[in-house]
Amino acid sequence: MKKLLSLALVAVLVVAMAAACAPKTEPAAAPPAINEAAYKDGTYTAKGDTDERGWTPEITVVVKDGKISEVKYDEVRGMYKSEDTEYHKAFKDAKNVDIVAVYKQMGEGLVAAQDSEKVAAVTGATGSFTNFKTLAAEAIAQAKDGDKLKDGNFKAAGKEDERGWTPFVSITVAEGKITAAAYDEVSSKAFVNKTQDEGYKATFKQVKNVDLVAAYEKFGADLVAAQDISKVDATGGASHSGESFKALAEKALSQAK
């Protein structure tokens, strides 16, 4: 009997020692938290090329709390397609498609998918949907980088007007900020810039009482100060040039994004 008790006691001690020596299993580590904020908050826009009928597609994507919260797509030619009741009616009569509803559907699709490649195709407006996906990808690319611009020199030129003047803009970005911006127009006939054409400047000053050189310099200075093309004042005696400056500056800055 004593021998059996002794053997039982030894067995208990062996089991206890084995348990004490066994390696401890650490609880599984929790998976790292997934950061769902894929994009940087802000409002991002992208514009496409004007088609043969004069329509220019554009998109605005709003990001809030790291997610796409609002999307507006439209096409403009003097006024937006979605606001052009005659176009809206003609399109519906011809294709039995409500273009306003289609644009809304595309925007809602991007908000739901959070990815331009995952937006379901829409029927009846194939061209617009193609433009939508292209511009949505451009706007989202901006949202991934936020508002920071790439350093470098960026240029853009417009179309020659009926008088032979071609507008152009040059923008310099350093450390993510616009540090210099210049606008001018060059003549294909006299091969001279407006700011260097003494005769043109004198006539412009006489007719409009505006210093052309100072007006052009102000466009650039306003952009450097505001860091936002929408805040540049294009009114005044050189408003046509101001609008050209804003359009070309936006085009040049798209290269920096």
Foldseek 3Di string as FASTA:
>chain_A
DVVVVVVVVVVVVVVVVVVVPDDDDDPDDDDDDDQLLQFAFDKFKDWDDQDPVRKIKMKIFGDDSSATDWIAIFIDRPHTCLPPVVNQVVLCVVQVDRVNVVRVLQGVQCRVVVALVRRDDDPSCNVSNVVVSVGVVLRRVCRNVDLFFAFDKFKFKDDQDPQQKIKMKIWGDDPRATDWIFIWIAGPVVRDTCLPPPVNQVVLCVVFVDRPVVLRRQQTVQCRVVVDLVRRDLDGSRNVSSVVRSVGVVVRRSVGD
